[in-house]
Protein backbone atom coordinates (compact mmCIF):
# COMPACT_ATOMS: atom_id res chain seq x y z
CA MET A 1 -17.52 20.22 64.86
CA PHE A 2 -17.05 17.61 62.10
CA LEU A 3 -15.99 18.17 58.49
CA SER A 4 -17.63 16.38 55.59
CA HIS A 5 -15.49 14.39 53.16
CA SER A 6 -15.37 17.35 50.76
CA GLU A 7 -14.52 20.02 53.32
CA PRO A 8 -10.89 18.94 54.02
CA TRP A 9 -10.13 19.26 50.31
CA LYS A 10 -11.69 22.73 50.30
CA VAL A 11 -9.43 23.75 53.18
CA PHE A 12 -6.39 22.25 51.44
CA LEU A 13 -7.18 23.99 48.16
CA GLU A 14 -7.75 27.27 49.96
CA TYR A 15 -4.28 27.15 51.53
CA ALA A 16 -2.61 25.68 48.48
CA SER A 17 -3.95 28.52 46.34
CA ARG A 18 -1.94 31.01 48.31
CA PRO A 19 1.28 31.73 46.31
CA CYS A 20 3.54 32.05 49.35
CA THR A 21 2.41 28.73 50.76
CA VAL A 22 2.94 26.95 47.46
CA LEU A 23 6.38 28.52 46.99
CA LEU A 24 7.50 27.77 50.54
CA GLY A 25 6.29 24.20 50.27
CA ALA A 26 8.04 23.69 46.95
CA ILE A 27 11.32 25.11 48.26
CA THR A 28 11.15 23.00 51.41
CA ALA A 29 10.39 19.83 49.48
CA THR A 30 13.18 20.51 47.01
CA LEU A 31 15.74 21.20 49.73
CA TYR A 32 14.95 18.07 51.66
CA PHE A 33 14.94 16.03 48.45
CA LEU A 34 18.37 17.35 47.49
CA TRP A 35 19.66 16.97 51.05
CA GLY A 36 18.74 13.30 51.14
CA ARG A 37 19.70 12.60 47.53
CA GLU A 38 23.12 14.22 47.64
CA GLY A 39 24.15 12.88 51.02
CA GLN A 40 26.97 10.50 50.16
CA VAL A 41 29.68 8.55 51.90
CA PRO A 42 32.99 10.21 50.94
CA VAL A 43 35.43 8.35 48.72
CA LEU A 44 38.34 6.96 50.75
CA VAL A 45 41.46 6.14 48.75
CA CYS A 46 44.18 4.36 50.69
CA SER A 47 45.80 1.03 51.46
CA ASP A 48 43.75 -1.73 53.10
CA GLY A 49 45.67 -1.36 56.36
CA PHE A 50 45.15 2.39 56.61
CA ARG A 51 41.49 1.96 55.66
CA MET A 52 40.87 -0.54 58.46
CA PHE A 53 42.56 1.77 60.97
CA LEU A 54 40.48 4.79 59.91
CA GLN A 55 37.20 2.91 59.86
CA ARG A 56 37.88 1.60 63.36
CA TYR A 57 39.24 4.68 65.10
CA CYS A 58 38.05 7.52 62.84
CA PRO A 59 34.50 6.44 61.90
CA VAL A 60 33.64 9.84 60.41
CA VAL A 61 35.34 8.66 57.19
CA SER A 62 32.44 6.23 56.68
CA GLU A 63 29.68 8.70 57.56
CA ARG A 64 27.32 10.05 54.94
CA PHE A 65 28.08 13.74 54.43
CA ARG A 66 24.99 15.86 53.72
CA PRO A 67 25.86 19.45 52.86
CA THR A 68 23.61 22.21 54.15
CA PRO A 69 20.58 22.07 51.82
CA TRP A 70 20.26 25.81 51.31
CA CYS A 71 24.00 26.22 50.86
CA TRP A 72 24.45 24.50 47.54
CA GLY A 73 27.60 24.16 45.50
CA GLY A 74 31.28 24.55 46.25
CA ARG A 75 31.37 28.31 45.73
CA VAL A 76 28.44 28.93 48.08
CA GLN A 77 29.89 26.61 50.73
CA THR A 78 33.18 28.48 50.51
CA LEU A 79 31.58 31.92 50.85
CA VAL A 80 28.98 31.10 53.49
CA ARG A 81 31.51 29.48 55.80
CA VAL A 82 33.33 32.80 56.12
CA LEU A 83 30.11 34.66 56.91
CA ILE A 84 28.25 32.27 59.19
CA LYS A 85 30.68 30.03 61.05
CA SER A 86 30.88 30.65 64.80
CA SER A 87 34.08 31.62 66.61
CA PRO A 88 34.70 29.47 69.71
CA ALA A 89 36.26 31.35 72.61
CA VAL A 90 40.00 30.69 72.64
CA THR A 91 42.68 32.46 74.69
CA TYR A 92 46.18 32.25 73.27
CA ARG A 93 49.61 32.62 74.82
CA ASN A 94 51.78 34.41 72.28
CA GLU A 95 55.43 33.61 71.65
CA LEU A 96 57.87 35.11 69.17
CA ILE A 97 60.79 32.96 68.09
CA ARG A 98 63.78 33.97 66.00
CA THR A 99 64.61 32.42 62.66
CA GLN A 100 67.95 31.63 61.08
CA ASP A 101 67.88 34.73 58.87
CA GLY A 102 67.27 37.06 61.85
CA GLY A 103 63.53 37.28 61.38
CA GLN A 104 60.79 36.27 63.78
CA VAL A 105 57.79 33.95 63.72
CA CYS A 106 54.64 34.38 65.79
CA LEU A 107 53.31 31.30 67.60
CA ASP A 108 49.98 31.23 69.45
CA TRP A 109 49.76 28.54 72.13
CA VAL A 110 46.85 26.99 73.98
CA ASP A 111 48.52 25.08 76.78
CA ASN A 112 45.33 23.43 78.06
CA SER A 113 46.76 23.32 81.58
CA GLU A 114 43.43 22.12 82.96
CA SER A 115 43.60 18.94 80.92
CA ALA A 116 42.32 16.05 83.04
CA GLU A 117 43.32 13.47 80.43
CA TYR A 118 46.94 14.66 80.28
CA PRO A 119 47.81 16.55 83.48
CA ASP A 120 51.56 16.24 82.82
CA CYS A 121 52.46 19.12 80.50
CA LEU A 122 55.68 17.39 79.46
CA THR A 123 53.89 14.48 77.82
CA ARG A 124 50.65 16.22 76.80
CA PRO A 125 50.02 15.55 73.07
CA THR A 126 50.49 18.64 70.92
CA VAL A 127 48.76 19.68 67.70
CA LEU A 128 50.56 22.09 65.38
CA ILE A 129 48.10 24.03 63.18
CA LEU A 130 49.05 25.82 59.95
CA PRO A 131 46.43 28.33 58.64
CA GLY A 132 45.74 29.16 55.00
CA LEU A 133 47.17 31.75 52.61
CA THR A 134 46.17 34.97 54.38
CA GLY A 135 44.95 33.36 57.61
CA ASN A 136 46.13 33.34 61.20
CA SER A 137 45.15 31.95 64.59
CA ARG A 138 41.88 33.93 64.64
CA GLN A 139 40.30 32.21 61.64
CA THR A 140 37.11 30.35 62.49
CA TYR A 141 38.42 27.04 61.12
CA VAL A 142 41.49 27.37 63.35
CA LEU A 143 39.37 28.20 66.42
CA HIS A 144 37.15 25.18 65.81
CA ALA A 145 40.20 22.94 65.43
CA VAL A 146 41.64 24.27 68.69
CA SER A 147 38.29 23.67 70.39
CA GLN A 148 38.23 20.07 69.14
CA ALA A 149 41.75 19.48 70.45
CA MET A 150 41.14 21.15 73.82
CA ARG A 151 38.09 19.06 74.65
CA ARG A 152 40.23 15.97 74.13
CA GLY A 153 42.90 17.24 76.50
CA TYR A 154 45.55 18.18 73.94
CA ARG A 155 47.79 21.22 73.62
CA CYS A 156 47.75 23.39 70.48
CA VAL A 157 50.20 25.74 68.83
CA VAL A 158 49.28 27.82 65.78
CA PHE A 159 52.08 28.77 63.40
CA ASN A 160 51.25 32.20 61.94
CA ASN A 161 52.98 32.89 58.63
CA ARG A 162 55.37 35.81 58.71
CA GLY A 163 53.58 39.11 58.39
CA PHE A 164 50.14 37.73 59.30
CA GLY A 165 50.45 37.13 63.04
CA GLY A 166 50.61 40.80 63.99
CA GLU A 167 54.38 40.72 64.42
CA GLU A 168 56.84 43.12 62.81
CA LEU A 169 58.94 41.93 59.90
CA LEU A 170 62.57 42.15 60.99
CA THR A 171 63.97 40.98 57.65
CA PRO A 172 62.71 41.44 54.07
CA LEU A 173 61.30 37.93 53.84
CA THR A 174 57.77 36.59 54.18
CA PHE A 175 56.60 33.07 53.23
CA CYS A 176 55.56 30.79 50.40
CA ALA A 177 54.18 27.27 49.99
CA ALA A 178 57.50 25.86 48.78
CA ASP A 179 59.76 27.29 51.49
CA THR A 180 59.62 25.06 54.58
CA SER A 181 62.45 26.72 56.52
CA ASP A 182 60.19 28.57 58.97
CA LEU A 183 58.12 25.43 59.56
CA GLU A 184 61.29 23.45 60.21
CA ARG A 185 62.33 26.07 62.76
CA VAL A 186 58.92 25.94 64.46
CA ILE A 187 58.84 22.15 64.71
CA GLN A 188 62.41 22.13 66.01
CA HIS A 189 61.40 24.66 68.68
CA VAL A 190 58.28 22.74 69.74
CA ARG A 191 60.25 19.49 69.95
CA GLN A 192 62.92 21.18 72.07
CA VAL A 193 60.39 22.60 74.51
CA TYR A 194 58.35 19.38 74.78
CA PRO A 195 60.63 16.53 73.65
CA GLN A 196 58.45 13.85 75.28
CA ALA A 197 55.14 15.05 73.82
CA PRO A 198 53.88 13.43 70.59
CA LEU A 199 53.29 15.98 67.84
CA VAL A 200 50.75 15.90 64.99
CA GLY A 201 50.76 18.53 62.24
CA THR A 202 47.61 19.92 60.61
CA GLY A 203 47.54 22.26 57.64
CA VAL A 204 44.61 23.99 55.93
CA SER A 205 44.76 25.16 52.29
CA LEU A 206 48.22 26.71 51.81
CA GLY A 207 49.08 25.48 55.31
CA GLY A 208 48.36 21.95 54.10
CA MET A 209 50.60 22.46 51.07
CA LEU A 210 53.38 23.68 53.33
CA LEU A 211 52.92 20.71 55.66
CA LEU A 212 53.01 18.16 52.82
CA ASN A 213 56.07 19.79 51.26
CA TYR A 214 57.78 19.66 54.65
CA LEU A 215 56.90 15.99 55.18
CA ALA A 216 58.21 15.13 51.73
CA ARG A 217 61.43 17.02 52.34
CA ARG A 218 62.15 15.64 55.79
CA GLY A 219 60.92 12.07 55.34
CA LYS A 220 61.55 9.98 58.45
CA GLU A 221 63.15 12.98 60.17
CA SER A 222 59.98 15.09 60.23
CA GLY A 223 59.50 14.88 64.00
CA LEU A 224 55.76 14.36 63.51
CA LEU A 225 53.66 11.37 64.49
CA ALA A 226 51.20 12.02 61.65
CA GLY A 227 49.90 14.74 59.34
CA LEU A 228 46.45 15.99 58.38
CA ALA A 229 45.94 18.23 55.35
CA MET A 230 42.57 19.80 54.50
CA SER A 231 41.45 21.61 51.32
CA VAL A 232 44.93 21.38 49.83
CA SER A 233 45.70 22.67 46.34
CA TRP A 234 47.54 19.67 44.91
CA ASP A 235 48.64 21.19 41.62
CA THR A 236 49.32 24.92 41.79
CA PHE A 237 48.98 25.35 38.02
CA GLU A 238 45.50 23.77 38.03
CA SER A 239 44.44 25.75 41.09
CA SER A 240 45.57 28.99 39.51
CA ALA A 241 43.67 28.19 36.31
CA SER A 242 40.53 27.37 38.30
CA LEU A 243 40.73 30.59 40.31
CA GLU A 244 41.10 32.59 37.10
CA GLN A 245 37.76 31.41 35.75
CA PRO A 246 35.49 34.49 35.58
CA ILE A 247 33.20 33.68 38.52
CA ASN A 248 36.01 32.40 40.76
CA LYS A 249 38.14 35.40 39.86
CA LEU A 250 35.36 37.73 40.93
CA LEU A 251 34.40 35.86 44.10
CA PHE A 252 37.78 34.71 45.44
CA ASN A 253 40.86 35.61 43.44
CA ARG A 254 40.64 39.38 43.66
CA HIS A 255 39.82 39.29 47.37
CA LEU A 256 42.77 37.07 48.27
CA THR A 257 45.10 39.13 46.07
CA SER A 258 43.89 42.28 47.80
CA ASN A 259 44.67 40.75 51.21
CA LEU A 260 48.16 39.79 50.05
CA CYS A 261 48.80 43.27 48.69
CA ARG A 262 47.55 44.79 51.92
CA ALA A 263 50.16 42.81 53.85
CA ILE A 264 52.88 43.96 51.46
CA LYS A 265 51.76 47.55 51.89
CA LYS A 266 51.80 47.14 55.68
CA HIS A 267 55.43 46.01 55.59
CA ARG A 268 56.40 48.25 52.71
CA ARG A 269 59.31 49.95 54.45
CA ILE A 270 61.37 46.80 54.78
CA LEU A 271 60.15 44.93 51.67
CA GLU A 272 60.86 47.72 49.19
CA THR A 273 64.57 47.05 49.69
CA VAL A 274 64.23 43.79 47.71
CA VAL A 275 61.13 44.13 45.47
CA ASP A 276 59.32 46.80 43.46
CA VAL A 277 56.42 47.29 45.87
CA ASP A 278 54.47 49.62 43.58
CA HIS A 279 54.58 47.01 40.82
CA VAL A 280 53.48 44.28 43.24
CA LEU A 281 50.53 46.34 44.48
CA LYS A 282 49.12 46.52 40.95
CA ALA A 283 48.58 42.73 40.90
CA ARG A 284 44.96 41.75 40.40
CA THR A 285 45.29 37.96 40.60
CA ILE A 286 47.25 35.56 42.77
CA ARG A 287 49.27 34.50 39.72
CA GLU A 288 50.25 38.13 39.05
CA PHE A 289 51.18 38.53 42.71
CA ASP A 290 53.33 35.40 42.59
CA GLU A 291 54.99 36.56 39.37
CA ARG A 292 55.81 39.99 40.78
CA TYR A 293 56.53 39.10 44.39
CA THR A 294 56.72 35.47 45.55
CA SER A 295 58.91 34.06 42.79
CA VAL A 296 61.19 37.12 42.98
CA MET A 297 61.39 37.08 46.77
CA PHE A 298 62.37 33.40 46.94
CA GLY A 299 64.78 33.39 44.02
CA TYR A 300 62.84 31.41 41.40
CA LYS A 301 63.58 32.06 37.74
CA SER A 302 59.88 32.36 37.01
CA CYS A 303 56.44 31.82 38.48
CA VAL A 304 56.35 28.51 36.62
CA ASP A 305 59.37 27.30 38.58
CA TYR A 306 57.78 28.42 41.82
CA TYR A 307 54.48 26.69 41.09
CA GLN A 308 56.30 23.47 40.26
CA ALA A 309 58.16 23.62 43.57
CA ALA A 310 55.01 24.52 45.53
CA SER A 311 52.80 21.68 44.21
CA PRO A 312 52.74 18.85 46.79
CA GLY A 313 50.89 16.20 44.77
CA TYR A 314 53.83 14.53 43.06
CA LYS A 315 55.91 14.56 46.28
CA LEU A 316 53.68 12.19 48.27
CA PRO A 317 55.98 9.16 47.73
CA HIS A 318 58.66 10.95 49.76
CA THR A 319 56.49 11.24 52.87
CA ALA A 320 57.20 8.73 55.63
CA VAL A 321 54.49 9.30 58.25
CA PRO A 322 50.73 8.59 58.09
CA VAL A 323 48.92 11.39 56.26
CA LEU A 324 45.17 11.94 55.89
CA CYS A 325 44.04 14.48 53.29
CA LEU A 326 40.49 15.87 53.09
CA ASN A 327 39.23 17.51 49.89
CA ALA A 328 35.86 18.32 48.32
CA ALA A 329 35.30 17.44 44.66
CA ASP A 330 33.66 20.85 44.09
CA ASP A 331 36.45 22.92 45.66
CA PRO A 332 36.93 25.98 43.39
CA PHE A 333 40.53 26.29 44.67
CA SER A 334 41.50 22.69 43.92
CA PRO A 335 39.75 20.98 40.97
CA LYS A 336 38.99 17.31 41.50
CA HIS A 337 40.99 16.14 38.48
CA ALA A 338 44.14 17.41 40.21
CA ILE A 339 43.67 15.23 43.31
CA PRO A 340 46.40 12.53 43.11
CA VAL A 341 44.07 9.52 43.43
CA ALA A 342 46.13 7.11 41.32
CA LEU A 343 49.30 7.94 43.25
CA ALA A 344 47.67 7.55 46.67
CA LYS A 345 46.45 4.07 45.77
CA ARG A 346 50.08 2.92 45.66
CA LEU A 347 51.17 4.47 48.96
CA PRO A 348 50.62 2.65 52.28
CA ASN A 349 50.84 5.79 54.44
CA VAL A 350 48.59 8.23 52.51
CA ALA A 351 44.80 8.38 52.65
CA LEU A 352 42.65 10.69 50.51
CA LEU A 353 39.15 11.45 51.78
CA VAL A 354 37.08 13.14 49.07
CA THR A 355 33.53 14.40 49.59
CA ALA A 356 31.22 15.15 46.64
CA HIS A 357 30.47 18.60 48.03
CA GLY A 358 31.98 20.97 50.58
CA GLY A 359 33.83 23.68 48.69
CA HIS A 360 37.06 25.15 50.04
CA ILE A 361 37.30 24.86 53.83
CA GLY A 362 33.50 24.66 53.86
CA PHE A 363 32.02 21.22 54.58
CA LEU A 364 28.93 22.88 56.09
CA GLU A 365 26.11 20.56 57.16
CA GLY A 366 22.81 20.93 59.00
CA LEU A 367 20.21 23.66 58.53
CA PHE A 368 22.10 26.19 60.66
CA PRO A 369 25.79 25.38 60.10
CA ARG A 370 27.38 27.74 62.59
CA GLY A 371 28.92 25.15 64.87
CA GLU A 372 30.87 21.94 64.40
CA GLY A 373 30.99 20.68 60.83
CA TYR A 374 32.28 17.67 58.94
CA MET A 375 35.83 19.00 58.61
CA ASP A 376 35.97 19.66 62.35
CA ARG A 377 34.91 16.08 63.12
CA VAL A 378 37.50 14.67 60.74
CA PHE A 379 40.15 16.75 62.48
CA GLY A 380 39.05 15.79 65.99
CA GLN A 381 38.70 12.07 65.34
CA PHE A 382 41.93 11.73 63.38
CA ILE A 383 44.19 13.48 65.88
CA GLN A 384 42.61 11.42 68.67
CA ALA A 385 43.17 8.21 66.70
CA ALA A 386 46.80 9.16 66.07
CA PHE A 387 47.53 10.09 69.69
CA GLU A 388 45.61 7.25 71.32
CA HIS A 389 46.65 4.44 68.95
CA PRO A 390 50.09 5.40 67.56
CA GLN A 391 51.41 1.86 67.29
CA ASP A 392 48.32 0.61 65.48
CA LEU A 393 48.64 3.55 63.08
CA LYS A 394 52.26 2.73 62.26
CA VAL A 395 51.46 -0.93 61.67
CA ALA A 396 48.47 -0.02 59.49
CA CYS A 397 50.69 2.18 57.32
CA GLY A 398 53.57 -0.29 57.15
CA ILE A 399 55.91 2.01 59.08
CA THR A 400 58.81 0.40 60.91
CA GLU A 401 61.00 2.04 63.50
């Protein structure tokens, strides 16, 4: 059967006149247009030496990042990641270590004993992972990081903040972004157990703040080969202001504050000896929580003093190991104007990788973004580059022994 010249147009008009078809076609066309239009190569701010190293051994920094077309905007990326991201199967070996104040910290290890690339456990490269504010080793972004490291033959250890790893609080002390004492204890322990194994630290969100504050405090004595920080809040004052905007307060601030209060309530018996727990539990924002709990717990005169101490941006010049930092310009937790671009330009060992989109710990791409995403690839490629080419990395960053 053959159609005349006019008949194809009749068929087209018949289908095009159907509202659902027109709407679906318009949505599809718009999504693919935006997907292609907004796909951009991230901005990489660093020294020429560090740039050449990253482009050679960590090519993801030069890739065009196209966010998931139906998952538009930083807020949506942030929310959808929590709901849709897959959870790779990971089996941990738990260890509790004691701290100087008599408390305990929960570590979750993945020994990767079947590693063909590094069969000797004594020299097997180790990745230390620091989760976010209310996170632990079961977060999807942690599981994906562990999966990336395992497939490359590395060992992983996740440092769970006090009170969030399932362990009992033995002393009335939890954690904050400015206090690096627990992290120092953990790194000391890992180095003692595996003194011959190179160690790279990775922190996400608050974990990244903690890592950067530690690196700035310890300098050349950090015990780390390199650091990777993702979705860091560079200026705590600016982050707090951003999270108190009406939409962000509704979507994120109240939820995180509720999780923090839940942890305080769980450990109420021991914490009420040093803080007014009932007053803390009435907090409705992270700033209120920090005013009533964190600054009091850690001996700061005010929340302002705590936020100044917690902000890692201005401390970058004190770091002494190569550091790669990934942020999205539309991160509702860390506004783009707070990213220390001008400072990083002057530092040979710091690289800032900034995507136009991605939200907070989002970086979702592809139509069905359940599996590996951009952030996961940055993590995997950078730790591999650091472990496989340590001398080249030091030279690139102007680091001398």
